[in-house]
């Protein structure tokens, strides 16, 4: 019995995360609907012992980073494309870098300040 309850709770948490993320993604797409194509980098961070999801809006495609998802948004074509989803617990190739290293690289190379949602 306990195993079934745990599985259902995990499934419910995953479902709620997906619903919350879809809602946040739609808000961003609506807000920037007149902008040129852009990228949304999604990752989790810990703030005051709570895990929060952060979304950074970028003009250029960042390097692949472990623990991130990347979307390419083209409102003029009405297209949202997920380019990658790289969980922390997967084997990775040399082209995939750590989140910490990647975020430093992204912020240094950004032409303007990334928007964090």
C-alpha atoms as a PDB file:
ATOM      1  CA  UNK A   1       0.000   0.000   0.000  1.00  0.00           C
ATOM      2  CA  UNK A   2       2.755   2.468   0.931  1.00  0.00           C
ATOM      3  CA  UNK A   3       4.513   1.972  -2.388  1.00  0.00           C
ATOM      4  CA  UNK A   4       1.387   2.791  -4.392  1.00  0.00           C
ATOM      5  CA  UNK A   5       0.797   5.965  -2.358  1.00  0.00           C
ATOM      6  CA  UNK A   6       4.412   7.054  -2.873  1.00  0.00           C
ATOM      7  CA  UNK A   7       4.194   6.428  -6.627  1.00  0.00           C
ATOM      8  CA  UNK A   8       0.969   8.403  -6.847  1.00  0.00           C
ATOM      9  CA  UNK A   9       2.460  11.287  -4.869  1.00  0.00           C
ATOM     10  CA  UNK A  10       5.534  11.367  -7.090  1.00  0.00           C
ATOM     11  CA  UNK A  11       3.307  11.252 -10.164  1.00  0.00           C
ATOM     12  CA  UNK A  12       1.135  14.044  -8.804  1.00  0.00           C
ATOM     13  CA  UNK A  13       4.187  16.188  -8.049  1.00  0.00           C
ATOM     14  CA  UNK A  14       5.486  15.634 -11.581  1.00  0.00           C
ATOM     15  CA  UNK A  15       2.070  16.471 -13.034  1.00  0.00           C
ATOM     16  CA  UNK A  16       1.812  19.692 -10.991  1.00  0.00           C
ATOM     17  CA  UNK A  17       5.336  20.754 -11.986  1.00  0.00           C
ATOM     18  CA  UNK A  18       4.424  20.240 -15.654  1.00  0.00           C
ATOM     19  CA  UNK A  19       1.209  22.269 -15.271  1.00  0.00           C
ATOM     20  CA  UNK A  20       3.000  25.110 -13.447  1.00  0.00           C
ATOM     21  CA  UNK A  21       5.792  25.140 -16.024  1.00  0.00           C
ATOM     22  CA  UNK A  22       3.336  25.240 -18.942  1.00  0.00           C
ATOM     23  CA  UNK A  23       1.575  28.187 -17.312  1.00  0.00           C
ATOM     24  CA  UNK A  24       4.859  30.079 -16.788  1.00  0.00           C
ATOM     25  CA  UNK A  25       5.987  29.281 -20.346  1.00  0.00           C
ATOM     26  CA  UNK A  26       2.717  30.608 -21.774  1.00  0.00           C
ATOM     27  CA  UNK A  27       3.028  33.843 -19.770  1.00  0.00           C
ATOM     28  CA  UNK A  28       6.524  34.444 -21.153  1.00  0.00           C
ATOM     29  CA  UNK A  29       5.486  33.638 -24.728  1.00  0.00           C
ATOM     30  CA  UNK A  30       2.526  36.011 -24.452  1.00  0.00           C
ATOM     31  CA  UNK A  31       4.642  38.785 -22.918  1.00  0.00           C
ATOM     32  CA  UNK A  32       7.266  38.647 -25.681  1.00  0.00           C
ATOM     33  CA  UNK A  33       4.997  37.763 -28.592  1.00  0.00           C
ATOM     34  CA  UNK A  34       6.226  40.658 -30.731  1.00  0.00           C
ATOM     35  CA  UNK A  35       9.927  39.959 -30.175  1.00  0.00           C
ATOM     36  CA  UNK A  36      12.343  38.264 -32.557  1.00  0.00           C
ATOM     37  CA  UNK A  37      12.978  34.557 -31.938  1.00  0.00           C
ATOM     38  CA  UNK A  38      14.635  33.813 -28.600  1.00  0.00           C
ATOM     39  CA  UNK A  39      15.650  30.967 -26.295  1.00  0.00           C
ATOM     40  CA  UNK A  40      14.368  30.032 -22.844  1.00  0.00           C
ATOM     41  CA  UNK A  41      16.819  28.234 -20.573  1.00  0.00           C
ATOM     42  CA  UNK A  42      15.099  26.371 -17.720  1.00  0.00           C
ATOM     43  CA  UNK A  43      16.847  25.045 -14.614  1.00  0.00           C
ATOM     44  CA  UNK A  44      16.255  24.470 -10.915  1.00  0.00           C
ATOM     45  CA  UNK A  45      17.977  26.377  -8.123  1.00  0.00           C
ATOM     46  CA  UNK A  46      17.859  26.203  -4.329  1.00  0.00           C
ATOM     47  CA  UNK A  47      16.781  29.344  -2.483  1.00  0.00           C
ATOM     48  CA  UNK A  48      16.201  29.299   1.288  1.00  0.00           C
ATOM     49  CA  UNK A  49      16.035  25.475   1.288  1.00  0.00           C
ATOM     50  CA  UNK A  50      13.369  25.474  -1.438  1.00  0.00           C
ATOM     51  CA  UNK A  51      13.815  24.264  -4.980  1.00  0.00           C
ATOM     52  CA  UNK A  52      12.606  26.853  -7.469  1.00  0.00           C
ATOM     53  CA  UNK A  53      12.454  26.763 -11.243  1.00  0.00           C
ATOM     54  CA  UNK A  54      14.196  29.595 -13.054  1.00  0.00           C
ATOM     55  CA  UNK A  55      13.720  30.601 -16.668  1.00  0.00           C
ATOM     56  CA  UNK A  56      16.226  32.826 -18.451  1.00  0.00           C
ATOM     57  CA  UNK A  57      15.355  34.485 -21.758  1.00  0.00           C
ATOM     58  CA  UNK A  58      18.314  34.668 -24.153  1.00  0.00           C
ATOM     59  CA  UNK A  59      18.939  35.973 -27.660  1.00  0.00           C
ATOM     60  CA  UNK A  60      21.642  33.397 -28.500  1.00  0.00           C
ATOM     61  CA  UNK A  61      21.647  29.646 -27.993  1.00  0.00           C
ATOM     62  CA  UNK A  62      23.648  28.774 -24.860  1.00  0.00           C
ATOM     63  CA  UNK A  63      25.935  25.735 -24.524  1.00  0.00           C
ATOM     64  CA  UNK A  64      24.340  22.445 -23.494  1.00  0.00           C
ATOM     65  CA  UNK A  65      24.288  22.208 -19.700  1.00  0.00           C
ATOM     66  CA  UNK A  66      23.467  19.282 -17.478  1.00  0.00           C
ATOM     67  CA  UNK A  67      20.288  19.873 -15.432  1.00  0.00           C
ATOM     68  CA  UNK A  68      18.668  22.210 -17.977  1.00  0.00           C
ATOM     69  CA  UNK A  69      16.004  22.374 -20.660  1.00  0.00           C
ATOM     70  CA  UNK A  70      16.207  24.726 -23.633  1.00  0.00           C
ATOM     71  CA  UNK A  71      13.347  25.997 -25.777  1.00  0.00           C
ATOM     72  CA  UNK A  72      13.492  28.005 -28.986  1.00  0.00           C
ATOM     73  CA  UNK A  73      10.520  30.362 -29.338  1.00  0.00           C
ATOM     74  CA  UNK A  74       9.533  31.821 -32.697  1.00  0.00           C
ATOM     75  CA  UNK A  75       6.281  33.730 -32.259  1.00  0.00           C
ATOM     76  CA  UNK A  76       6.170  34.892 -35.872  1.00  0.00           C
ATOM     77  CA  UNK A  77       5.959  31.263 -36.997  1.00  0.00           C
ATOM     78  CA  UNK A  78       3.917  30.232 -33.957  1.00  0.00           C
ATOM     79  CA  UNK A  79       6.532  27.642 -33.063  1.00  0.00           C
ATOM     80  CA  UNK A  80       7.843  26.455 -29.687  1.00  0.00           C
ATOM     81  CA  UNK A  81      10.574  23.842 -29.973  1.00  0.00           C
ATOM     82  CA  UNK A  82      12.275  22.046 -27.097  1.00  0.00           C
ATOM     83  CA  UNK A  83      15.903  21.681 -28.145  1.00  0.00           C
ATOM     84  CA  UNK A  84      17.052  19.621 -25.194  1.00  0.00           C
ATOM     85  CA  UNK A  85      16.215  18.242 -21.779  1.00  0.00           C
ATOM     86  CA  UNK A  86      19.354  17.119 -19.911  1.00  0.00           C
ATOM     87  CA  UNK A  87      18.586  15.675 -16.452  1.00  0.00           C
ATOM     88  CA  UNK A  88      21.332  15.698 -13.848  1.00  0.00           C
ATOM     89  CA  UNK A  89      21.484  11.903 -13.590  1.00  0.00           C
ATOM     90  CA  UNK A  90      22.278  11.051 -17.221  1.00  0.00           C
ATOM     91  CA  UNK A  91      25.616  10.078 -18.730  1.00  0.00           C
ATOM     92  CA  UNK A  92      26.950  13.027 -20.681  1.00  0.00           C
ATOM     93  CA  UNK A  93      29.269  13.683 -23.567  1.00  0.00           C
ATOM     94  CA  UNK A  94      32.087  16.228 -23.558  1.00  0.00           C
ATOM     95  CA  UNK A  95      29.876  18.833 -25.252  1.00  0.00           C
ATOM     96  CA  UNK A  96      27.574  18.974 -22.206  1.00  0.00           C
ATOM     97  CA  UNK A  97      28.980  21.127 -19.406  1.00  0.00           C
ATOM     98  CA  UNK A  98      28.016  21.676 -15.770  1.00  0.00           C
ATOM     99  CA  UNK A  99      25.212  24.086 -14.920  1.00  0.00           C
ATOM    100  CA  UNK A 100      27.489  26.315 -12.819  1.00  0.00           C
ATOM    101  CA  UNK A 101      30.104  26.597 -15.547  1.00  0.00           C
ATOM    102  CA  UNK A 102      27.432  27.115 -18.194  1.00  0.00           C
ATOM    103  CA  UNK A 103      25.546  29.858 -16.377  1.00  0.00           C
ATOM    104  CA  UNK A 104      28.775  31.787 -15.860  1.00  0.00           C
ATOM    105  CA  UNK A 105      29.525  31.465 -19.573  1.00  0.00           C
ATOM    106  CA  UNK A 106      25.981  32.512 -20.548  1.00  0.00           C
ATOM    107  CA  UNK A 107      25.957  35.615 -18.357  1.00  0.00           C
ATOM    108  CA  UNK A 108      29.423  36.696 -19.534  1.00  0.00           C
ATOM    109  CA  UNK A 109      28.501  36.336 -23.206  1.00  0.00           C
ATOM    110  CA  UNK A 110      25.039  37.920 -22.944  1.00  0.00           C
ATOM    111  CA  UNK A 111      24.724  41.223 -24.769  1.00  0.00           C
ATOM    112  CA  UNK A 112      22.132  42.414 -22.316  1.00  0.00           C
ATOM    113  CA  UNK A 113      21.049  41.188 -18.897  1.00  0.00           C
ATOM    114  CA  UNK A 114      19.134  37.891 -19.149  1.00  0.00           C
ATOM    115  CA  UNK A 115      15.570  38.010 -17.911  1.00  0.00           C
ATOM    116  CA  UNK A 116      14.995  35.587 -15.063  1.00  0.00           C
ATOM    117  CA  UNK A 117      11.437  34.470 -14.465  1.00  0.00           C
END
